[in-house]
Amino acid sequence: MGTYVSTCGSVFEKGYNANHSLTYDILQTFIRSVYQIGLYMMQRLISALMLTALLLPQATLWAQSVCQALVNEALSRIGTACANLDPDSACYGFPTLNAVFTEPLTSGAFSEPGDRVNLAQIASIKPAAANLTTSEYGISVISMRANLSNALPASQTVRLILIGGQELESGVRPEDALPPSDVLVNALTVVEAQLRPTLDGATDPESYMTVPAGASVILDAISEDGQQVRAVYGGRSGWMDVAAISPDTDLSALPSIGPNNMTPMQSFYLPVNDDLFSSNCVDAPAMVVVQTPADHVVDIWVNGVQVRLEDASLIFRVTGSPSSPRLELVVFHGLVSLFPGTPQELIVPPGFTTSVGLDSAPTSLGIEGDPDELPVVGLWATPRALTQDELAFFSSIEQLPANILNYALSVPQLVQASGIGGPIPRLIFSNPRALAIVTRACEQGRLPEATCDLLLGP
C-alpha cells in the first residue's frame, strides 16, 4: 500500500507539476498579451493626446482666422450698406437680423443689407450672434436725433451700432414720440446769450457757448413754459432764453418740447437672451456702440436709467452669465454721467467701466410686449479702469468704418510709466479730444484725484 501510495503520489506529483507548468505558461502568455495590448493602447492614447496638443492651437488659430475674416467682411459691408443714413432711421447692415415693427411693412422690407426703415417703425432689433458655421454676424446701424436740434446737418446725429446678438428694444411708443418737424425759424439775438446743451441746464456751465448780440441763429423748438428756444449756433445745438431773441420773431409754429418728451429710440432696453453667451467668436462680441456728434451733449435712457453723454463714445452690453447677468457700461471718449444732476450722479470717464446687476425675473419694459427684459437691481459699481485684457477684447470696435460714425473710434492703451516709487499706470489716448472734457472735470474736482492721475498724469 505504501508503494502504491508512493507510486500514486509520484504519479500525482508529476501530473500536477506538468499541469501547473502548462497553466503557468498560459497565464504568462496571457499577461504578456494583456501588457502588450495595454502598452499599445497607451502608446496610441499618448500619440492621440500629443496629436491633439499639436492640432488644438492650429484649430484655435483656424477658428480665430475664420472669425476675423467674418468680422472683416461684415464691417466692410456695413460701411457700404449703411453710409449716409438719414436721421431717425435704422439700416440693415449685415445678416442676419430679426426685427419687430410697430406697424406692418411691405413684404420683403428691411430684409437685406442696405435696407432702411424709419426708426419710429422699429419696436426691437436683434442682430444674430456670430456663427462661423453659417457665416452670420448681425449688425444694424441706427441714426437718431435724441435731444439734438433738427437744424443740425443730417450727419450730426447719435449713432448706435448693434452688434452680434445684442438685442435693442425701444422704450418710446410711436404715439408718445415727438412727431417729426421740419419747422425752422431764422432769428437774431438782441442781447448776449448762453447756449446751454440741455433743456434742464444741469451741465457744466463751462460747456455753455456764448452767443453774442446780433448773431444769427436757427430755431426749431420752444420749451413747454415758453421761456426757452432750441437753437443752433456755430454748429452747436442747445437751449437759450427767449428773451435773447428779437421780439418780432414769430415763434408760433415751433413745436413745444418738455422734459419728458423723447424722440424714437431715445429710451431703449437691452433684453437678455441665450445668444449673448453662445458665440465663440472673440473678435465679434455682442454689444451696442453709442456715439454722440463731436462737442455735443445728449441724453438717453438705458434700461430706465438716464444717461448723459458729453462728447462721448461708449458701449453698453449684457455680460456675466445667464444665471447672473449684468448691464455693463464702457467709455472710450468724453464723459458719461448716470443720474445726471442728482445726488446719485455717477461720472464715468474714458477708459473706465461700471456695471449693475439685472433681476432674475423677466418682465416687459419696452414697447414690444414680450417679457424679455430684466430690470436693473442694486447700485452701479464704482467706476474702475479697464484692464489690459479688457482693452484688447474691445479693440475690435476700432475696425468700425468711419463713414457710419461721427468720428473714428479708438481704444486707449494702458502703459506703466516709470516714476518715483515704482511704475505709474497711465491710460494713453491716440485722440487728444477724448480727454478734453476730462481735463476740465479734473480741474473742477468732479473726478477723483487718482482717476485724474491715471488719465492726465500726476
Protein backbone atom coordinates (compact mmCIF):
# COMPACT_ATOMS: atom_id res chain seq x y z
CA MET A 1 0.00 0.00 0.00
CA GLY A 2 2.78 2.32 0.82
CA THR A 3 4.35 1.71 -2.55
CA TYR A 4 1.07 2.17 -4.20
CA VAL A 5 0.50 5.24 -2.31
CA SER A 6 4.02 6.36 -3.00
CA THR A 7 3.66 5.46 -6.62
CA CYS A 8 0.32 7.15 -6.81
CA GLY A 9 1.78 10.13 -5.08
CA SER A 10 4.66 10.25 -7.51
CA VAL A 11 2.39 9.98 -10.46
CA PHE A 12 0.12 12.66 -8.98
CA GLU A 13 3.04 14.97 -8.37
CA LYS A 14 4.30 14.57 -11.91
CA GLY A 15 0.82 15.23 -13.29
CA TYR A 16 0.33 18.19 -11.02
CA ASN A 17 3.71 19.68 -11.87
CA ALA A 18 3.09 19.26 -15.59
CA ASN A 19 -0.33 20.83 -15.42
CA HIS A 20 0.93 23.60 -13.20
CA SER A 21 3.72 24.39 -15.65
CA LEU A 22 1.26 24.46 -18.55
CA THR A 23 -1.14 26.71 -16.64
CA TYR A 24 1.71 28.96 -15.63
CA ASP A 25 2.89 29.25 -19.24
CA ILE A 26 -0.63 30.08 -20.41
CA LEU A 27 -1.01 32.66 -17.64
CA GLN A 28 2.34 34.22 -18.52
CA THR A 29 1.36 34.36 -22.18
CA PHE A 30 -1.97 35.94 -21.25
CA ILE A 31 -0.31 38.52 -19.02
CA ARG A 32 2.24 39.36 -21.72
CA SER A 33 -0.59 39.75 -24.25
CA VAL A 34 -2.58 41.99 -21.93
CA TYR A 35 0.54 44.00 -21.20
CA GLN A 36 1.39 44.34 -24.88
CA ILE A 37 -2.20 45.33 -25.71
CA GLY A 38 -2.22 47.80 -22.83
CA LEU A 39 1.13 49.17 -23.89
CA TYR A 40 -0.12 49.50 -27.47
CA MET A 41 -3.30 51.25 -26.33
CA MET A 42 -1.31 53.54 -24.04
CA GLN A 43 1.03 54.39 -26.91
CA ARG A 44 -1.98 55.11 -29.10
CA LEU A 45 -3.55 57.29 -26.37
CA ILE A 46 -0.32 59.20 -25.84
CA SER A 47 0.01 59.67 -29.60
CA ALA A 48 -3.60 60.89 -29.78
CA LEU A 49 -3.03 63.29 -26.91
CA MET A 50 0.16 64.56 -28.47
CA LEU A 51 -1.60 64.98 -31.81
CA THR A 52 -4.47 66.80 -30.11
CA ALA A 53 -2.00 69.05 -28.32
CA LEU A 54 -0.36 69.80 -31.64
CA LEU A 55 -3.61 70.31 -33.54
CA LEU A 56 -5.55 72.28 -30.90
CA PRO A 57 -3.56 75.50 -31.33
CA GLN A 58 -3.90 75.08 -35.09
CA ALA A 59 -7.67 74.59 -34.74
CA THR A 60 -7.85 77.61 -32.46
CA LEU A 61 -5.85 79.69 -34.92
CA TRP A 62 -8.10 78.48 -37.73
CA ALA A 63 -11.24 79.44 -35.78
CA GLN A 64 -9.74 82.84 -34.99
CA SER A 65 -8.81 83.32 -38.63
CA VAL A 66 -12.33 82.41 -39.80
CA CYS A 67 -13.82 84.63 -37.10
CA GLN A 68 -11.64 87.57 -38.12
CA ALA A 69 -12.50 87.04 -41.78
CA LEU A 70 -16.21 87.11 -40.89
CA VAL A 71 -15.77 90.31 -38.91
CA ASN A 72 -13.78 91.95 -41.70
CA GLU A 73 -16.41 91.05 -44.28
CA ALA A 74 -19.26 92.31 -42.08
CA LEU A 75 -17.56 95.61 -41.33
CA SER A 76 -16.62 96.25 -44.95
CA ARG A 77 -20.21 95.54 -45.97
CA ILE A 78 -21.83 97.87 -43.42
CA GLY A 79 -19.52 100.67 -44.46
CA THR A 80 -21.10 100.45 -47.90
CA ALA A 81 -24.65 99.43 -46.97
CA CYS A 82 -25.26 101.96 -44.18
CA ALA A 83 -23.39 105.08 -45.32
CA ASN A 84 -25.28 108.41 -45.45
CA LEU A 85 -28.03 107.25 -43.11
CA ASP A 86 -30.91 109.70 -42.63
CA PRO A 87 -31.72 110.93 -39.11
CA ASP A 88 -34.13 108.75 -37.09
CA SER A 89 -33.69 105.69 -39.28
CA ALA A 90 -32.27 102.18 -38.99
CA CYS A 91 -30.14 100.29 -41.52
CA TYR A 92 -29.89 96.54 -42.11
CA GLY A 93 -26.11 96.18 -42.06
CA PHE A 94 -25.12 92.52 -42.22
CA PRO A 95 -27.22 89.35 -42.00
CA THR A 96 -28.95 88.11 -40.06
CA LEU A 97 -31.34 90.49 -38.24
CA ASN A 98 -34.68 89.83 -36.59
CA ALA A 99 -36.86 92.92 -36.22
CA VAL A 100 -40.28 93.56 -34.71
CA PHE A 101 -42.17 96.51 -36.14
CA THR A 102 -44.75 98.86 -34.67
CA GLU A 103 -46.81 98.60 -37.87
CA PRO A 104 -46.92 96.19 -40.81
CA LEU A 105 -44.33 96.80 -43.52
CA THR A 106 -44.47 95.84 -47.17
CA SER A 107 -43.32 92.32 -47.98
CA GLY A 108 -39.54 91.99 -48.02
CA ALA A 109 -38.92 95.34 -46.35
CA PHE A 110 -35.88 95.52 -44.07
CA SER A 111 -34.69 92.05 -45.02
CA GLU A 112 -31.48 92.64 -46.98
CA PRO A 113 -28.23 94.53 -46.32
CA GLY A 114 -28.69 98.18 -47.16
CA ASP A 115 -32.45 98.22 -46.43
CA ARG A 116 -33.58 101.16 -44.28
CA VAL A 117 -36.65 101.92 -42.23
CA ASN A 118 -37.98 104.82 -40.18
CA LEU A 119 -36.89 104.46 -36.57
CA ALA A 120 -40.42 105.03 -35.27
CA GLN A 121 -41.44 101.79 -37.01
CA ILE A 122 -38.94 99.70 -35.02
CA ALA A 123 -40.09 98.03 -31.81
CA SER A 124 -36.96 95.88 -31.46
CA ILE A 125 -33.95 94.69 -33.42
CA LYS A 126 -31.96 91.56 -32.65
CA PRO A 127 -28.81 91.00 -34.70
CA ALA A 128 -27.65 87.39 -34.92
CA ALA A 129 -24.70 86.33 -32.80
CA ALA A 130 -21.53 85.47 -34.69
CA ASN A 131 -21.82 81.98 -36.18
CA LEU A 132 -18.81 80.57 -38.00
CA THR A 133 -20.81 77.69 -39.47
CA THR A 134 -23.48 79.83 -41.15
CA SER A 135 -21.29 82.94 -41.64
CA GLU A 136 -23.80 85.05 -39.73
CA TYR A 137 -22.85 88.16 -37.80
CA GLY A 138 -25.80 90.51 -37.41
CA ILE A 139 -25.11 94.25 -37.42
CA SER A 140 -27.55 97.15 -37.56
CA VAL A 141 -26.80 100.86 -37.65
CA ILE A 142 -29.16 103.47 -36.16
CA SER A 143 -29.10 107.23 -36.59
CA MET A 144 -31.22 109.16 -34.09
CA ARG A 145 -31.72 112.79 -33.18
CA ALA A 146 -32.35 112.26 -29.46
CA ASN A 147 -32.47 115.78 -27.95
CA LEU A 148 -30.41 117.44 -30.70
CA SER A 149 -31.82 120.16 -32.95
CA ASN A 150 -33.33 119.29 -36.32
CA ALA A 151 -31.39 122.26 -37.70
CA LEU A 152 -28.12 120.34 -37.44
CA PRO A 153 -26.83 118.67 -40.62
CA ALA A 154 -28.21 115.18 -41.25
CA SER A 155 -24.79 113.74 -40.46
CA GLN A 156 -24.86 115.19 -36.93
CA THR A 157 -26.83 112.53 -35.09
CA VAL A 158 -26.35 109.99 -32.34
CA ARG A 159 -25.06 106.70 -33.78
CA LEU A 160 -25.99 103.30 -32.37
CA ILE A 161 -24.33 100.20 -33.82
CA LEU A 162 -25.94 96.93 -32.70
CA ILE A 163 -23.50 94.05 -32.94
CA GLY A 164 -23.74 90.27 -32.72
CA GLY A 165 -26.62 89.05 -30.58
CA GLN A 166 -27.23 92.21 -28.53
CA GLU A 167 -30.93 92.98 -28.97
CA LEU A 168 -32.25 96.52 -28.61
CA GLU A 169 -35.88 97.27 -27.76
CA SER A 170 -37.36 100.75 -27.95
CA GLY A 171 -38.83 102.34 -24.85
CA VAL A 172 -40.64 105.09 -26.77
CA ARG A 173 -44.07 104.26 -28.17
CA PRO A 174 -44.81 105.81 -31.58
CA GLU A 175 -47.80 107.69 -30.19
CA ASP A 176 -45.65 109.15 -27.40
CA ALA A 177 -42.64 110.12 -29.53
CA LEU A 178 -42.05 113.69 -30.58
CA PRO A 179 -43.56 113.98 -34.06
CA PRO A 180 -41.10 114.82 -36.84
CA SER A 181 -40.94 118.51 -37.59
CA ASP A 182 -39.24 120.43 -40.37
CA VAL A 183 -40.11 123.85 -38.94
CA LEU A 184 -37.01 126.05 -38.82
CA VAL A 185 -37.08 129.70 -37.86
CA ASN A 186 -34.23 132.12 -38.54
CA ALA A 187 -33.76 134.69 -35.79
CA LEU A 188 -31.38 137.32 -34.45
CA THR A 189 -30.23 137.76 -30.87
CA VAL A 190 -30.73 141.21 -29.34
CA VAL A 191 -28.52 140.61 -26.30
CA GLU A 192 -25.68 138.27 -25.43
CA ALA A 193 -26.99 134.82 -24.51
CA GLN A 194 -25.79 131.46 -23.27
CA LEU A 195 -26.42 128.37 -25.37
CA ARG A 196 -26.95 125.54 -22.85
CA PRO A 197 -26.55 121.93 -24.09
CA THR A 198 -29.66 120.61 -22.33
CA LEU A 199 -33.14 121.88 -21.52
CA ASP A 200 -32.64 121.45 -17.77
CA GLY A 201 -29.32 123.33 -17.87
CA ALA A 202 -27.81 120.77 -15.50
CA THR A 203 -24.48 120.55 -17.26
CA ASP A 204 -21.07 122.06 -16.67
CA PRO A 205 -21.51 125.87 -17.12
CA GLU A 206 -18.12 125.99 -18.82
CA SER A 207 -19.63 123.91 -21.62
CA TYR A 208 -22.09 126.72 -22.42
CA MET A 209 -21.44 128.62 -25.62
CA THR A 210 -21.69 132.40 -25.56
CA VAL A 211 -23.84 133.80 -28.36
CA PRO A 212 -23.17 137.50 -28.98
CA ALA A 213 -25.86 140.08 -29.59
CA GLY A 214 -26.78 140.41 -33.25
CA ALA A 215 -25.93 136.78 -34.01
CA SER A 216 -27.98 134.76 -36.47
CA VAL A 217 -29.42 131.56 -35.01
CA ILE A 218 -31.76 128.82 -36.28
CA LEU A 219 -34.64 127.79 -34.01
CA ASP A 220 -36.56 124.52 -34.21
CA ALA A 221 -38.43 124.13 -30.87
CA ILE A 222 -39.71 126.01 -27.82
CA SER A 223 -39.98 124.81 -24.21
CA GLU A 224 -43.37 124.00 -22.66
CA ASP A 225 -43.18 127.05 -20.43
CA GLY A 226 -42.32 129.27 -23.40
CA GLN A 227 -39.15 130.57 -21.75
CA GLN A 228 -36.50 128.78 -23.83
CA VAL A 229 -35.95 128.02 -27.51
CA ARG A 230 -33.77 125.32 -29.00
CA ALA A 231 -31.23 126.86 -31.32
CA VAL A 232 -28.21 126.09 -33.46
CA TYR A 233 -25.30 128.48 -33.44
CA GLY A 234 -21.72 127.88 -34.55
CA GLY A 235 -22.55 124.27 -35.36
CA ARG A 236 -23.73 123.60 -31.78
CA SER A 237 -27.22 122.62 -30.60
CA GLY A 238 -28.61 123.93 -27.31
CA TRP A 239 -31.20 125.98 -25.47
CA MET A 240 -31.25 129.74 -24.92
CA ASP A 241 -33.60 132.26 -23.32
CA VAL A 242 -36.47 133.52 -25.45
CA ALA A 243 -35.73 137.00 -24.07
CA ALA A 244 -32.46 137.00 -26.06
CA ILE A 245 -34.34 136.63 -29.36
CA SER A 246 -35.66 139.61 -31.34
CA PRO A 247 -39.25 140.21 -30.10
CA ASP A 248 -40.64 140.41 -33.63
CA THR A 249 -39.67 136.76 -34.29
CA ASP A 250 -42.72 134.55 -34.92
CA LEU A 251 -42.34 131.50 -32.70
CA SER A 252 -45.92 130.22 -33.02
CA ALA A 253 -45.05 127.40 -35.47
CA LEU A 254 -42.31 125.90 -33.29
CA PRO A 255 -43.19 122.55 -31.70
CA SER A 256 -43.31 122.52 -27.90
CA ILE A 257 -40.90 120.26 -26.02
CA GLY A 258 -40.98 119.30 -22.36
CA PRO A 259 -38.56 117.38 -20.13
CA ASN A 260 -40.44 114.11 -20.67
CA ASN A 261 -40.64 114.29 -24.46
CA MET A 262 -38.45 111.84 -26.36
CA THR A 263 -37.68 111.03 -29.96
CA PRO A 264 -37.85 107.43 -31.28
CA MET A 265 -35.41 105.07 -29.53
CA GLN A 266 -34.10 107.83 -27.21
CA SER A 267 -35.06 105.38 -24.48
CA PHE A 268 -34.20 101.72 -25.04
CA TYR A 269 -33.68 98.42 -23.26
CA LEU A 270 -31.16 95.62 -23.67
CA PRO A 271 -33.05 92.33 -23.40
CA VAL A 272 -31.19 89.24 -22.17
CA ASN A 273 -31.10 86.19 -24.44
CA ASP A 274 -29.04 83.00 -24.71
CA ASP A 275 -27.29 84.22 -27.89
CA LEU A 276 -25.36 86.73 -25.79
CA PHE A 277 -23.38 83.93 -24.19
CA SER A 278 -23.21 81.37 -27.03
CA SER A 279 -20.77 82.84 -29.56
CA ASN A 280 -17.20 81.50 -29.65
CA CYS A 281 -16.02 84.33 -31.90
CA VAL A 282 -13.95 86.52 -29.59
CA ASP A 283 -13.46 89.21 -32.23
CA ALA A 284 -17.23 89.69 -32.51
CA PRO A 285 -18.59 90.40 -29.03
CA ALA A 286 -22.27 91.27 -28.56
CA MET A 287 -22.72 94.96 -27.70
CA VAL A 288 -24.27 98.30 -28.59
CA VAL A 289 -21.84 101.06 -29.55
CA VAL A 290 -23.15 104.60 -28.89
CA GLN A 291 -21.53 107.80 -30.14
CA THR A 292 -22.59 111.44 -30.00
CA PRO A 293 -21.61 114.08 -32.53
CA ALA A 294 -18.40 115.85 -31.54
CA ASP A 295 -18.81 118.60 -28.89
CA HIS A 296 -22.46 117.80 -28.19
CA VAL A 297 -24.32 116.68 -25.07
CA VAL A 298 -27.04 114.06 -25.45
CA ASP A 299 -29.48 112.48 -23.02
CA ILE A 300 -30.65 108.89 -23.46
CA TRP A 301 -32.37 106.40 -21.17
CA VAL A 302 -30.98 102.85 -20.96
CA ASN A 303 -33.00 100.24 -19.07
CA GLY A 304 -34.81 103.11 -17.39
CA VAL A 305 -31.63 104.92 -16.26
CA GLN A 306 -30.97 108.45 -17.52
CA VAL A 307 -27.54 108.63 -19.14
CA ARG A 308 -25.92 111.93 -20.17
CA LEU A 309 -23.28 111.70 -22.89
CA GLU A 310 -20.82 114.59 -23.15
CA ASP A 311 -18.96 114.28 -26.47
CA ALA A 312 -18.90 110.57 -25.76
CA SER A 313 -18.22 107.20 -27.36
CA LEU A 314 -19.20 104.19 -25.29
CA ILE A 315 -20.51 100.65 -25.18
CA PHE A 316 -23.46 99.07 -23.43
CA ARG A 317 -23.67 95.30 -23.23
CA VAL A 318 -25.07 92.46 -21.17
CA THR A 319 -22.30 90.47 -19.52
CA GLY A 320 -21.89 87.92 -16.74
CA SER A 321 -23.77 84.66 -17.21
CA PRO A 322 -27.34 83.54 -17.95
CA SER A 323 -27.89 82.96 -14.23
CA SER A 324 -26.20 86.19 -13.11
CA PRO A 325 -26.36 88.82 -15.89
CA ARG A 326 -25.16 92.39 -15.53
CA LEU A 327 -25.56 95.55 -17.56
CA GLU A 328 -22.12 96.97 -18.33
CA LEU A 329 -21.10 100.45 -19.48
CA VAL A 330 -17.65 101.04 -21.02
CA VAL A 331 -16.50 104.55 -22.02
CA PHE A 332 -13.81 105.32 -24.62
CA HIS A 333 -14.23 109.05 -25.27
CA GLY A 334 -15.60 112.04 -23.32
CA LEU A 335 -17.68 111.73 -20.16
CA VAL A 336 -20.78 109.73 -19.32
CA SER A 337 -22.98 110.55 -16.31
CA LEU A 338 -25.59 108.26 -14.80
CA PHE A 339 -28.45 110.04 -12.99
CA PRO A 340 -27.10 113.48 -14.06
CA GLY A 341 -27.89 116.48 -11.90
CA THR A 342 -28.99 114.32 -8.93
CA PRO A 343 -27.29 113.36 -5.64
CA GLN A 344 -26.82 109.88 -7.14
CA GLU A 345 -24.86 111.16 -10.14
CA LEU A 346 -22.09 108.77 -11.17
CA ILE A 347 -19.48 110.02 -13.68
CA VAL A 348 -17.61 107.52 -15.84
CA PRO A 349 -14.54 108.86 -17.69
CA PRO A 350 -12.92 107.32 -20.78
CA GLY A 351 -11.02 104.10 -20.23
CA PHE A 352 -13.31 103.21 -17.32
CA THR A 353 -16.21 100.83 -16.84
CA THR A 354 -19.07 100.25 -14.42
CA SER A 355 -21.89 97.73 -14.21
CA VAL A 356 -25.07 96.94 -12.35
CA GLY A 357 -26.93 93.71 -11.62
CA LEU A 358 -30.04 92.65 -13.50
CA ASP A 359 -33.01 91.00 -11.85
CA SER A 360 -33.67 87.30 -12.43
CA ALA A 361 -37.37 87.76 -13.20
CA PRO A 362 -38.08 88.71 -16.85
CA THR A 363 -40.69 91.37 -17.44
CA SER A 364 -41.89 93.59 -20.28
CA LEU A 365 -40.26 97.00 -20.07
CA GLY A 366 -40.04 98.05 -23.72
CA ILE A 367 -42.77 98.55 -26.28
CA GLU A 368 -42.60 95.11 -27.93
CA GLY A 369 -44.67 93.49 -25.20
CA ASP A 370 -42.61 90.35 -24.64
CA PRO A 371 -41.32 89.72 -21.10
CA ASP A 372 -37.66 89.50 -22.10
CA GLU A 373 -36.16 92.41 -20.15
CA LEU A 374 -34.51 92.17 -16.74
CA PRO A 375 -34.89 95.25 -14.52
CA VAL A 376 -31.81 96.89 -13.00
CA VAL A 377 -31.29 95.92 -9.37
CA GLY A 378 -28.88 97.26 -6.77
CA LEU A 379 -26.31 100.01 -7.17
CA TRP A 380 -23.91 100.68 -10.02
CA ALA A 381 -20.36 99.65 -9.21
CA THR A 382 -17.71 102.27 -8.56
CA PRO A 383 -16.11 103.05 -11.95
CA ARG A 384 -12.75 101.35 -12.45
CA ALA A 385 -10.08 101.45 -15.12
CA LEU A 386 -10.19 98.81 -17.84
CA THR A 387 -7.60 96.05 -17.61
CA GLN A 388 -5.15 95.20 -20.37
CA ASP A 389 -7.19 92.12 -21.29
CA GLU A 390 -10.39 94.15 -21.46
CA LEU A 391 -8.78 96.79 -23.65
CA ALA A 392 -7.59 94.05 -26.01
CA PHE A 393 -11.06 92.49 -26.02
CA PHE A 394 -12.73 95.75 -27.04
CA SER A 395 -10.13 96.63 -29.68
CA SER A 396 -12.44 95.21 -32.37
CA ILE A 397 -14.50 98.42 -32.28
CA GLU A 398 -11.59 100.23 -33.91
CA GLN A 399 -12.50 98.38 -37.12
CA LEU A 400 -15.90 100.08 -37.37
CA PRO A 401 -15.96 102.13 -40.60
CA ALA A 402 -15.61 105.87 -40.06
CA ASN A 403 -18.43 106.60 -42.53
CA ILE A 404 -21.05 105.16 -40.17
CA LEU A 405 -19.65 107.08 -37.19
CA ASN A 406 -19.25 110.73 -36.28
CA TYR A 407 -15.51 110.17 -35.89
CA ALA A 408 -13.18 107.17 -35.82
CA LEU A 409 -13.22 105.13 -32.62
CA SER A 410 -10.05 104.23 -30.76
CA VAL A 411 -9.31 102.20 -27.63
CA PRO A 412 -6.76 103.62 -25.16
CA GLN A 413 -3.53 101.86 -24.23
CA LEU A 414 -2.51 101.01 -20.68
CA VAL A 415 1.16 101.76 -20.05
CA GLN A 416 3.36 101.57 -16.97
CA ALA A 417 5.44 104.74 -16.93
CA SER A 418 8.48 104.85 -14.65
CA GLY A 419 8.39 107.21 -11.71
CA ILE A 420 9.34 107.73 -8.09
CA GLY A 421 8.10 104.80 -6.04
CA GLY A 422 7.80 102.43 -8.99
CA PRO A 423 5.80 102.13 -12.21
CA ILE A 424 2.90 104.56 -12.61
CA PRO A 425 -0.03 103.26 -14.69
CA ARG A 426 -1.37 105.59 -17.37
CA LEU A 427 -4.13 105.34 -19.94
CA ILE A 428 -2.89 106.83 -23.21
CA PHE A 429 -5.35 108.05 -25.87
CA SER A 430 -4.44 108.45 -29.53
CA ASN A 431 -7.17 111.10 -29.93
CA PRO A 432 -6.45 114.03 -27.56
CA ARG A 433 -10.08 115.16 -27.85
CA ALA A 434 -11.05 112.11 -25.80
CA LEU A 435 -9.72 113.88 -22.70
CA ALA A 436 -10.83 117.46 -23.42
CA ILE A 437 -13.84 117.29 -21.10
CA VAL A 438 -11.92 115.16 -18.59
CA THR A 439 -9.30 117.88 -18.15
CA ARG A 440 -11.99 120.41 -17.25
CA ALA A 441 -13.74 117.92 -14.95
CA CYS A 442 -10.49 117.25 -13.09
CA GLU A 443 -9.84 120.97 -12.67
CA GLN A 444 -13.33 121.34 -11.19
CA GLY A 445 -12.91 118.40 -8.82
CA ARG A 446 -15.69 116.37 -10.44
CA LEU A 447 -13.45 113.29 -10.69
CA PRO A 448 -11.29 111.57 -8.03
CA GLU A 449 -7.63 112.58 -7.95
CA ALA A 450 -6.45 109.02 -8.61
CA THR A 451 -8.63 108.89 -11.72
CA CYS A 452 -7.22 112.18 -12.99
CA ASP A 453 -3.65 110.94 -12.37
CA LEU A 454 -4.36 107.79 -14.38
CA LEU A 455 -5.76 109.81 -17.29
CA LEU A 456 -3.74 113.03 -17.21
CA GLY A 457 -0.70 112.18 -15.13
CA PRO A 458 0.18 113.34 -11.59
